[in-house]
N, C-alpha and C. Protein backbone atom coordinates (compact mmCIF):
# COMPACT_ATOMS: atom_id res chain seq x y z
N MET A 1 45.85 29.76 -11.05
CA MET A 1 47.04 30.43 -11.54
C MET A 1 47.94 29.43 -12.27
N ALA A 2 48.79 28.74 -11.55
CA ALA A 2 49.65 27.75 -12.18
C ALA A 2 48.82 26.51 -12.48
N SER A 3 49.09 25.89 -13.62
CA SER A 3 48.27 24.75 -13.98
C SER A 3 49.07 23.49 -14.30
N PHE A 4 50.39 23.57 -14.29
CA PHE A 4 51.23 22.41 -14.57
C PHE A 4 51.07 21.40 -13.43
N ILE A 5 50.67 20.17 -13.76
CA ILE A 5 50.49 19.11 -12.77
C ILE A 5 51.46 17.98 -13.08
N ASN A 6 52.16 17.52 -12.07
CA ASN A 6 53.03 16.37 -12.23
C ASN A 6 52.39 15.19 -11.49
N ARG A 7 52.29 14.07 -12.18
CA ARG A 7 51.71 12.87 -11.58
C ARG A 7 52.78 11.79 -11.53
N ARG A 8 52.82 11.09 -10.39
CA ARG A 8 53.78 9.99 -10.30
C ARG A 8 53.16 8.82 -9.55
N PRO A 9 53.34 7.62 -10.08
CA PRO A 9 52.83 6.44 -9.41
C PRO A 9 53.79 5.99 -8.32
N LEU A 10 53.26 5.46 -7.25
CA LEU A 10 54.07 4.91 -6.16
C LEU A 10 53.41 3.64 -5.65
N THR A 11 54.22 2.78 -5.10
CA THR A 11 53.73 1.60 -4.39
C THR A 11 54.10 1.77 -2.93
N ILE A 12 53.14 1.58 -2.04
CA ILE A 12 53.41 1.72 -0.62
C ILE A 12 54.32 0.58 -0.16
N GLU A 13 55.42 0.96 0.47
CA GLU A 13 56.41 0.00 0.94
C GLU A 13 56.18 -0.32 2.42
N TRP A 14 56.67 -1.47 2.86
CA TRP A 14 56.51 -1.88 4.25
C TRP A 14 57.13 -0.86 5.20
N GLY A 15 58.27 -0.29 4.85
CA GLY A 15 58.95 0.67 5.72
C GLY A 15 58.18 1.97 5.93
N GLN A 16 57.14 2.21 5.14
CA GLN A 16 56.31 3.40 5.30
C GLN A 16 55.14 3.14 6.25
N CYS A 17 55.02 1.91 6.71
CA CYS A 17 53.83 1.50 7.46
C CYS A 17 54.12 1.25 8.93
N ASP A 18 53.04 1.30 9.72
CA ASP A 18 53.10 0.92 11.13
C ASP A 18 52.97 -0.60 11.21
N PRO A 19 53.04 -1.19 12.42
CA PRO A 19 52.95 -2.65 12.52
C PRO A 19 51.67 -3.26 11.96
N ALA A 20 50.61 -2.47 11.83
CA ALA A 20 49.36 -2.99 11.24
C ALA A 20 49.38 -2.94 9.72
N GLY A 21 50.47 -2.41 9.13
CA GLY A 21 50.56 -2.34 7.67
C GLY A 21 49.88 -1.14 7.07
N ILE A 22 49.55 -0.14 7.90
CA ILE A 22 48.91 1.10 7.43
C ILE A 22 49.97 2.20 7.42
N VAL A 23 49.95 3.04 6.38
CA VAL A 23 50.96 4.09 6.26
C VAL A 23 50.90 5.01 7.48
N PHE A 24 52.05 5.20 8.09
CA PHE A 24 52.21 6.11 9.22
C PHE A 24 52.09 7.53 8.67
N ASN A 25 51.23 8.36 9.28
CA ASN A 25 50.89 9.68 8.72
C ASN A 25 52.10 10.54 8.36
N SER A 26 53.15 10.52 9.17
CA SER A 26 54.31 11.38 8.87
C SER A 26 54.97 11.01 7.54
N ARG A 27 54.79 9.79 7.08
CA ARG A 27 55.39 9.38 5.80
C ARG A 27 54.78 10.14 4.62
N PHE A 28 53.54 10.60 4.78
CA PHE A 28 52.93 11.37 3.70
C PHE A 28 53.67 12.70 3.49
N PHE A 29 54.19 13.28 4.57
CA PHE A 29 54.94 14.52 4.44
C PHE A 29 56.24 14.29 3.67
N GLU A 30 56.82 13.12 3.80
CA GLU A 30 58.00 12.77 3.00
C GLU A 30 57.60 12.64 1.53
N MET A 31 56.43 12.04 1.28
CA MET A 31 55.95 11.92 -0.11
C MET A 31 55.70 13.30 -0.70
N PHE A 32 55.12 14.21 0.10
CA PHE A 32 54.89 15.58 -0.38
C PHE A 32 56.22 16.23 -0.77
N ASP A 33 57.20 16.12 0.13
CA ASP A 33 58.50 16.77 -0.12
C ASP A 33 59.12 16.25 -1.42
N ARG A 34 59.20 14.95 -1.56
CA ARG A 34 59.79 14.37 -2.77
C ARG A 34 58.99 14.77 -4.01
N SER A 35 57.68 14.79 -3.87
CA SER A 35 56.83 15.16 -5.01
C SER A 35 57.04 16.60 -5.43
N THR A 36 57.32 17.49 -4.48
CA THR A 36 57.60 18.89 -4.83
C THR A 36 58.88 18.99 -5.64
N TRP A 37 59.91 18.28 -5.21
CA TRP A 37 61.18 18.32 -5.95
C TRP A 37 61.02 17.72 -7.35
N VAL A 38 60.25 16.65 -7.46
CA VAL A 38 60.00 16.04 -8.77
C VAL A 38 59.19 16.99 -9.65
N LEU A 39 58.22 17.69 -9.06
CA LEU A 39 57.42 18.68 -9.79
C LEU A 39 58.32 19.77 -10.37
N PHE A 40 59.21 20.31 -9.55
CA PHE A 40 60.10 21.37 -10.02
C PHE A 40 61.05 20.86 -11.10
N GLU A 41 61.53 19.63 -10.96
CA GLU A 41 62.39 19.07 -11.99
C GLU A 41 61.62 18.93 -13.31
N ALA A 42 60.38 18.46 -13.24
CA ALA A 42 59.58 18.29 -14.45
C ALA A 42 59.26 19.63 -15.11
N ALA A 43 58.96 20.65 -14.32
CA ALA A 43 58.58 21.95 -14.88
C ALA A 43 59.78 22.74 -15.38
N LEU A 44 60.89 22.68 -14.65
CA LEU A 44 62.05 23.52 -14.98
C LEU A 44 63.13 22.79 -15.77
N GLY A 45 63.08 21.47 -15.78
CA GLY A 45 64.12 20.71 -16.48
C GLY A 45 65.46 20.76 -15.77
N VAL A 46 65.42 20.96 -14.45
CA VAL A 46 66.65 21.06 -13.66
C VAL A 46 66.57 20.02 -12.54
N LYS A 47 67.62 19.21 -12.41
CA LYS A 47 67.66 18.22 -11.33
C LYS A 47 67.63 18.94 -9.98
N PRO A 48 66.99 18.32 -8.98
CA PRO A 48 66.90 18.98 -7.66
C PRO A 48 68.23 19.47 -7.09
N HIS A 49 69.27 18.67 -7.24
CA HIS A 49 70.57 19.07 -6.69
C HIS A 49 71.23 20.20 -7.49
N GLU A 50 70.70 20.52 -8.68
CA GLU A 50 71.25 21.59 -9.50
C GLU A 50 70.42 22.87 -9.44
N LEU A 51 69.27 22.82 -8.77
CA LEU A 51 68.36 23.97 -8.69
C LEU A 51 69.05 25.18 -8.08
N ALA A 52 69.77 24.98 -7.00
CA ALA A 52 70.44 26.09 -6.31
C ALA A 52 71.46 26.77 -7.23
N ARG A 53 72.30 26.00 -7.85
CA ARG A 53 73.33 26.57 -8.73
C ARG A 53 72.71 27.25 -9.95
N THR A 54 71.69 26.63 -10.52
CA THR A 54 71.06 27.16 -11.73
C THR A 54 70.40 28.51 -11.48
N TYR A 55 69.76 28.67 -10.32
CA TYR A 55 69.00 29.89 -10.05
C TYR A 55 69.61 30.79 -8.97
N GLY A 56 70.80 30.46 -8.48
CA GLY A 56 71.47 31.30 -7.50
C GLY A 56 70.74 31.37 -6.16
N ILE A 57 70.13 30.27 -5.77
CA ILE A 57 69.40 30.23 -4.50
C ILE A 57 69.99 29.15 -3.60
N LEU A 58 69.53 29.12 -2.35
CA LEU A 58 69.91 28.04 -1.46
C LEU A 58 68.96 26.86 -1.61
N GLY A 59 67.74 27.15 -1.99
CA GLY A 59 66.75 26.10 -2.16
C GLY A 59 65.35 26.63 -2.04
N ILE A 60 64.43 25.70 -1.77
CA ILE A 60 63.01 26.05 -1.62
C ILE A 60 62.51 25.48 -0.28
N PRO A 61 62.96 26.06 0.82
CA PRO A 61 62.62 25.49 2.13
C PRO A 61 61.12 25.55 2.44
N LEU A 62 60.72 24.55 3.17
CA LEU A 62 59.34 24.40 3.62
C LEU A 62 59.11 25.29 4.84
N VAL A 63 58.04 26.09 4.83
CA VAL A 63 57.72 26.94 5.97
C VAL A 63 56.37 26.60 6.59
N ASP A 64 55.54 25.81 5.89
CA ASP A 64 54.27 25.38 6.45
C ASP A 64 53.79 24.16 5.67
N VAL A 65 53.11 23.26 6.36
CA VAL A 65 52.57 22.07 5.70
C VAL A 65 51.33 21.62 6.45
N SER A 66 50.37 21.09 5.69
CA SER A 66 49.17 20.54 6.31
C SER A 66 48.68 19.37 5.46
N ALA A 67 47.86 18.53 6.08
CA ALA A 67 47.32 17.38 5.37
C ALA A 67 45.94 17.04 5.90
N ASN A 68 45.15 16.47 5.02
CA ASN A 68 43.83 15.95 5.36
C ASN A 68 43.85 14.48 4.98
N PHE A 69 43.72 13.62 5.97
CA PHE A 69 43.77 12.18 5.76
C PHE A 69 42.35 11.64 5.60
N VAL A 70 42.01 11.28 4.37
CA VAL A 70 40.65 10.87 4.03
C VAL A 70 40.44 9.37 4.22
N LYS A 71 41.39 8.57 3.75
CA LYS A 71 41.28 7.12 3.90
C LYS A 71 42.67 6.53 4.05
N PRO A 72 42.78 5.46 4.81
CA PRO A 72 44.10 4.88 5.05
C PRO A 72 44.65 4.17 3.81
N LEU A 73 45.96 4.17 3.72
CA LEU A 73 46.64 3.41 2.68
C LEU A 73 47.47 2.34 3.38
N LYS A 74 47.68 1.23 2.67
CA LYS A 74 48.37 0.12 3.32
C LYS A 74 49.46 -0.47 2.42
N PHE A 75 50.26 -1.30 3.04
CA PHE A 75 51.37 -1.97 2.37
C PHE A 75 50.90 -2.60 1.07
N GLY A 76 51.62 -2.27 -0.02
CA GLY A 76 51.31 -2.83 -1.34
C GLY A 76 50.35 -2.02 -2.18
N ASP A 77 49.69 -1.02 -1.59
CA ASP A 77 48.77 -0.20 -2.38
C ASP A 77 49.51 0.53 -3.50
N GLU A 78 48.87 0.57 -4.66
CA GLU A 78 49.37 1.32 -5.80
C GLU A 78 48.66 2.67 -5.79
N ILE A 79 49.43 3.74 -5.67
CA ILE A 79 48.83 5.07 -5.56
C ILE A 79 49.39 6.00 -6.63
N GLU A 80 48.73 7.15 -6.76
CA GLU A 80 49.22 8.22 -7.63
C GLU A 80 49.30 9.49 -6.80
N VAL A 81 50.43 10.19 -6.92
CA VAL A 81 50.59 11.49 -6.28
C VAL A 81 50.56 12.55 -7.38
N ALA A 82 49.58 13.44 -7.31
CA ALA A 82 49.47 14.54 -8.27
C ALA A 82 49.82 15.82 -7.53
N SER A 83 50.78 16.57 -8.07
CA SER A 83 51.26 17.78 -7.41
C SER A 83 51.24 18.95 -8.38
N ARG A 84 50.90 20.12 -7.83
CA ARG A 84 50.91 21.34 -8.65
C ARG A 84 51.14 22.53 -7.73
N VAL A 85 51.69 23.60 -8.30
CA VAL A 85 51.78 24.86 -7.57
C VAL A 85 50.42 25.52 -7.71
N SER A 86 49.76 25.73 -6.59
CA SER A 86 48.42 26.31 -6.63
C SER A 86 48.44 27.83 -6.55
N GLU A 87 49.55 28.39 -6.03
CA GLU A 87 49.64 29.85 -5.96
C GLU A 87 51.11 30.27 -5.86
N PHE A 88 51.46 31.24 -6.68
CA PHE A 88 52.75 31.92 -6.57
C PHE A 88 52.52 33.29 -6.00
N ARG A 89 53.37 33.68 -5.06
CA ARG A 89 53.38 35.05 -4.54
C ARG A 89 54.75 35.64 -4.86
N ARG A 90 55.08 36.78 -4.31
CA ARG A 90 56.35 37.44 -4.62
C ARG A 90 57.55 36.52 -4.40
N SER A 91 57.64 35.90 -3.23
CA SER A 91 58.80 35.06 -2.93
C SER A 91 58.41 33.72 -2.31
N SER A 92 57.14 33.44 -2.25
CA SER A 92 56.68 32.16 -1.70
C SER A 92 55.64 31.56 -2.62
N PHE A 93 55.34 30.31 -2.38
CA PHE A 93 54.37 29.61 -3.21
C PHE A 93 53.78 28.44 -2.45
N ASN A 94 52.59 28.03 -2.86
CA ASN A 94 51.91 26.87 -2.28
C ASN A 94 51.94 25.72 -3.27
N VAL A 95 52.21 24.54 -2.75
CA VAL A 95 52.15 23.33 -3.56
C VAL A 95 51.04 22.46 -3.01
N GLU A 96 50.17 22.02 -3.90
CA GLU A 96 49.03 21.17 -3.54
C GLU A 96 49.34 19.75 -3.99
N HIS A 97 49.10 18.80 -3.09
CA HIS A 97 49.32 17.38 -3.39
C HIS A 97 48.01 16.63 -3.18
N LYS A 98 47.69 15.74 -4.11
CA LYS A 98 46.53 14.86 -3.98
C LYS A 98 47.02 13.44 -4.20
N ILE A 99 46.81 12.61 -3.20
CA ILE A 99 47.19 11.20 -3.30
C ILE A 99 45.92 10.40 -3.50
N ARG A 100 45.91 9.63 -4.59
CA ARG A 100 44.72 8.84 -4.94
C ARG A 100 45.05 7.35 -4.98
N ILE A 101 44.04 6.58 -4.64
CA ILE A 101 44.10 5.13 -4.84
C ILE A 101 42.86 4.75 -5.63
N ALA A 102 43.05 4.06 -6.73
CA ALA A 102 41.94 3.67 -7.62
C ALA A 102 41.07 4.88 -7.96
N GLY A 103 41.71 6.04 -8.17
CA GLY A 103 41.01 7.25 -8.56
C GLY A 103 40.36 8.03 -7.43
N GLU A 104 40.35 7.48 -6.22
CA GLU A 104 39.73 8.14 -5.07
C GLU A 104 40.78 8.84 -4.21
N ILE A 105 40.42 10.01 -3.70
CA ILE A 105 41.33 10.76 -2.83
C ILE A 105 41.55 10.01 -1.53
N ALA A 106 42.81 9.83 -1.16
CA ALA A 106 43.16 9.23 0.13
C ALA A 106 43.76 10.29 1.06
N VAL A 107 44.58 11.17 0.49
CA VAL A 107 45.24 12.21 1.28
C VAL A 107 45.36 13.46 0.41
N GLU A 108 45.08 14.62 1.03
CA GLU A 108 45.30 15.92 0.39
C GLU A 108 46.27 16.70 1.26
N GLY A 109 47.20 17.37 0.63
CA GLY A 109 48.16 18.16 1.40
C GLY A 109 48.52 19.46 0.72
N THR A 110 48.98 20.39 1.53
CA THR A 110 49.46 21.69 1.02
C THR A 110 50.75 22.05 1.72
N GLU A 111 51.70 22.48 0.93
CA GLU A 111 52.97 22.99 1.45
C GLU A 111 53.09 24.46 1.08
N THR A 112 53.70 25.25 1.95
CA THR A 112 54.13 26.61 1.60
C THR A 112 55.64 26.60 1.66
N ARG A 113 56.25 27.08 0.60
CA ARG A 113 57.71 27.12 0.48
C ARG A 113 58.14 28.51 0.06
N VAL A 114 59.41 28.81 0.28
CA VAL A 114 59.96 30.10 -0.14
C VAL A 114 61.15 29.88 -1.07
N TRP A 115 61.36 30.86 -1.93
CA TRP A 115 62.50 30.90 -2.84
C TRP A 115 63.59 31.61 -2.04
N ALA A 116 64.55 30.86 -1.52
CA ALA A 116 65.48 31.40 -0.52
C ALA A 116 66.91 31.52 -1.04
N ALA A 117 67.58 32.60 -0.58
CA ALA A 117 68.97 32.85 -0.96
C ALA A 117 69.73 33.42 0.22
N HIS A 118 71.04 33.42 0.08
CA HIS A 118 71.92 33.98 1.10
C HIS A 118 72.25 35.42 0.71
N ASP A 119 71.98 36.36 1.60
CA ASP A 119 72.30 37.77 1.36
C ASP A 119 73.70 38.02 1.91
N LYS A 120 74.66 38.20 1.02
CA LYS A 120 76.05 38.37 1.45
C LYS A 120 76.26 39.66 2.22
N ALA A 121 75.46 40.67 1.94
CA ALA A 121 75.62 41.96 2.63
C ALA A 121 75.23 41.86 4.11
N THR A 122 74.20 41.10 4.41
CA THR A 122 73.72 40.99 5.80
C THR A 122 74.11 39.66 6.44
N ASP A 123 74.63 38.73 5.65
CA ASP A 123 74.98 37.39 6.09
C ASP A 123 73.76 36.63 6.62
N LYS A 124 72.60 36.94 6.06
CA LYS A 124 71.37 36.26 6.46
C LYS A 124 70.80 35.48 5.29
N ILE A 125 69.97 34.52 5.64
CA ILE A 125 69.25 33.73 4.65
C ILE A 125 67.81 34.22 4.66
N GLY A 126 67.26 34.44 3.48
CA GLY A 126 65.88 34.92 3.42
C GLY A 126 65.26 34.68 2.07
N ALA A 127 63.99 34.99 2.00
CA ALA A 127 63.23 34.83 0.77
C ALA A 127 63.57 35.96 -0.19
N ILE A 128 63.64 35.61 -1.47
CA ILE A 128 63.87 36.60 -2.53
C ILE A 128 62.78 36.41 -3.58
N PRO A 129 62.55 37.41 -4.43
CA PRO A 129 61.49 37.29 -5.44
C PRO A 129 61.72 36.11 -6.39
N LEU A 130 60.64 35.44 -6.70
CA LEU A 130 60.68 34.36 -7.68
C LEU A 130 60.88 34.95 -9.07
N PRO A 131 61.78 34.40 -9.85
CA PRO A 131 61.96 34.88 -11.22
C PRO A 131 60.71 34.59 -12.07
N ALA A 132 60.36 35.53 -12.92
CA ALA A 132 59.20 35.36 -13.81
C ALA A 132 59.37 34.12 -14.67
N GLU A 133 60.59 33.84 -15.10
CA GLU A 133 60.83 32.67 -15.94
C GLU A 133 60.47 31.37 -15.23
N VAL A 134 60.67 31.32 -13.91
CA VAL A 134 60.30 30.13 -13.14
C VAL A 134 58.78 30.03 -13.06
N VAL A 135 58.13 31.10 -12.68
CA VAL A 135 56.66 31.10 -12.56
C VAL A 135 56.02 30.74 -13.90
N ASN A 136 56.55 31.26 -14.98
CA ASN A 136 55.98 31.00 -16.31
C ASN A 136 56.07 29.54 -16.72
N ARG A 137 57.07 28.82 -16.22
CA ARG A 137 57.24 27.40 -16.58
C ARG A 137 56.16 26.52 -15.99
N PHE A 138 55.41 27.04 -15.03
CA PHE A 138 54.34 26.26 -14.39
C PHE A 138 52.98 26.51 -15.04
N SER A 139 52.95 27.32 -16.08
CA SER A 139 51.71 27.57 -16.81
C SER A 139 51.66 26.67 -18.02
N THR A 140 50.54 26.04 -18.23
CA THR A 140 50.38 25.19 -19.40
C THR A 140 49.94 26.06 -20.57
N PRO A 141 50.64 25.93 -21.71
CA PRO A 141 50.28 26.76 -22.87
C PRO A 141 48.88 26.49 -23.39
């Protein structure tokens, strides 16, 4: 469905590692989160902190995440994080992340997020339909 891919290079920092110098698994979820925000900024041309105001939403909260750890990464490794929306639904979407080192997969992850807003009538926060203009920006011409 969506085909826009954002790629960003990263260098593994000491603070992301355990005492053995290997990336602590939970740090990959931080990389996924940041990569999703960078993906949306690249596709929509809107800074992450302006997304809510621009589209009248509260944000794109995470409701599910998973990862497959294929090979360890260590302090100083130069990696690439490639992220794309793999599926849009009415009000939710999946983001796929692939972290590579020297072209080889090290970590694969998937996030499910929702397009969320505050309903003033019910005073609740919930998912609302994704605008077609947003979904269309993730398609490569």
